[in-house]
Amino acid sequence: MASLPFRVRDSHAGPPALVNARGTDGIVIGELPKPIAGRRNLQISICNLAAEAGVAGSREKVLQALLLNLMVNDIEQAEEILTAYLRLHADYVPQFV
């Protein structure tokens, strides 16, 4: 069984594994370096906020998730992205209308 000592509570990740004729053998790995663990934790936070936003129809939580993304530079940019996304995908996200 593979070990994921760095797993964040309430998150799920597939550990590295070897696949062969006998099946799958998980690879035990140690702690992630802090910078990598930090980036992973950031992505988990973004995904959690996005999921909560989708369930609640919360525009504010979507904006928070967008602003956590390192590729989004400011709140105006995040609002433009969100407005465009909701307009393009309105049929799939009626909770935001």
Protein backbone atom coordinates (compact mmCIF):
# COMPACT_ATOMS: atom_id res chain seq x y z
CA MET A 1 0.00 0.00 0.00
CA ALA A 2 1.37 3.42 -0.92
CA SER A 3 1.91 6.05 1.71
CA LEU A 4 0.85 9.67 1.31
CA PRO A 5 2.11 11.38 4.48
CA PHE A 6 1.54 14.80 2.93
CA ARG A 7 -2.15 14.24 2.12
CA VAL A 8 -4.38 17.15 3.03
CA ARG A 9 -7.45 16.24 5.04
CA ASP A 10 -10.56 15.87 2.85
CA SER A 11 -8.50 15.78 -0.34
CA HIS A 12 -7.81 12.83 -2.58
CA ALA A 13 -4.78 12.02 -4.65
CA GLY A 14 -3.58 8.93 -6.40
CA PRO A 15 -0.12 7.91 -5.22
CA PRO A 16 2.54 6.93 -7.71
CA ALA A 17 2.39 3.25 -8.57
CA LEU A 18 3.92 0.50 -10.63
CA VAL A 19 1.56 -1.46 -12.83
CA ASN A 20 2.50 -4.96 -13.86
CA ALA A 21 0.96 -8.36 -14.59
CA ARG A 22 0.16 -8.84 -10.88
CA GLY A 23 -1.74 -5.58 -10.65
CA THR A 24 -0.84 -2.26 -9.11
CA ASP A 25 1.81 -1.71 -6.44
CA GLY A 26 1.80 1.68 -4.75
CA ILE A 27 5.13 3.38 -4.20
CA VAL A 28 5.89 4.69 -0.72
CA ILE A 29 7.07 8.28 -0.89
CA GLY A 30 8.17 10.64 1.81
CA GLU A 31 7.30 14.20 2.58
CA LEU A 32 7.02 16.62 -0.31
CA PRO A 33 9.43 19.54 -0.32
CA LYS A 34 7.69 22.53 1.28
CA PRO A 35 7.44 24.61 -1.93
CA ILE A 36 5.78 21.71 -3.78
CA ALA A 37 3.47 20.92 -0.85
CA GLY A 38 2.52 24.60 -0.72
CA ARG A 39 1.58 24.68 -4.41
CA ARG A 40 -0.38 21.46 -3.99
CA ASN A 41 -2.24 22.93 -0.99
CA LEU A 42 -3.04 26.06 -3.01
CA GLN A 43 -4.55 23.96 -5.81
CA ILE A 44 -6.61 22.01 -3.28
CA SER A 45 -7.92 25.29 -1.84
CA ILE A 46 -8.84 26.53 -5.33
CA CYS A 47 -10.67 23.29 -6.12
CA ASN A 48 -12.52 23.31 -2.80
CA LEU A 49 -13.65 26.91 -3.26
CA ALA A 50 -14.76 26.21 -6.83
CA ALA A 51 -16.76 23.17 -5.71
CA GLU A 52 -18.38 25.10 -2.84
CA ALA A 53 -19.19 27.93 -5.27
CA GLY A 54 -20.83 25.55 -7.71
CA VAL A 55 -23.00 23.93 -5.05
CA ALA A 56 -24.03 27.25 -3.49
CA GLY A 57 -24.15 29.32 -6.67
CA SER A 58 -21.77 31.75 -4.95
CA ARG A 59 -20.21 34.28 -7.29
CA GLU A 60 -18.06 35.51 -4.36
CA LYS A 61 -16.48 32.07 -3.86
CA VAL A 62 -15.75 31.74 -7.56
CA LEU A 63 -13.99 35.11 -7.45
CA GLN A 64 -11.99 33.95 -4.43
CA ALA A 65 -10.95 30.81 -6.29
CA LEU A 66 -9.96 32.82 -9.36
CA LEU A 67 -7.95 35.27 -7.27
CA LEU A 68 -6.02 32.40 -5.67
CA ASN A 69 -4.94 31.29 -9.14
CA LEU A 70 -1.42 32.54 -9.77
CA MET A 71 -2.30 33.36 -13.39
CA VAL A 72 -4.99 35.90 -12.41
CA ASN A 73 -3.42 39.26 -11.67
CA ASP A 74 -6.21 41.38 -10.18
CA ILE A 75 -9.86 41.48 -9.19
CA GLU A 76 -10.99 43.21 -12.38
CA GLN A 77 -9.41 40.45 -14.44
CA ALA A 78 -11.09 37.81 -12.25
CA GLU A 79 -14.48 39.51 -12.65
CA GLU A 80 -14.04 39.67 -16.44
CA ILE A 81 -13.13 35.97 -16.57
CA LEU A 82 -16.11 35.04 -14.40
CA THR A 83 -18.59 37.18 -16.35
CA ALA A 84 -17.39 35.71 -19.67
CA TYR A 85 -17.47 32.16 -18.32
CA LEU A 86 -20.98 32.48 -16.89
CA ARG A 87 -22.25 34.04 -20.11
CA LEU A 88 -20.73 31.28 -22.26
CA HIS A 89 -21.81 28.42 -19.99
CA ALA A 90 -25.11 29.73 -18.60
CA ASP A 91 -26.96 26.55 -19.63
CA TYR A 92 -24.61 24.46 -17.48
CA VAL A 93 -24.45 26.69 -14.40
CA PRO A 94 -28.02 27.89 -13.84
CA GLN A 95 -27.37 28.36 -10.13
CA PHE A 96 -25.41 31.53 -11.01
CA VAL A 97 -28.14 33.15 -13.10
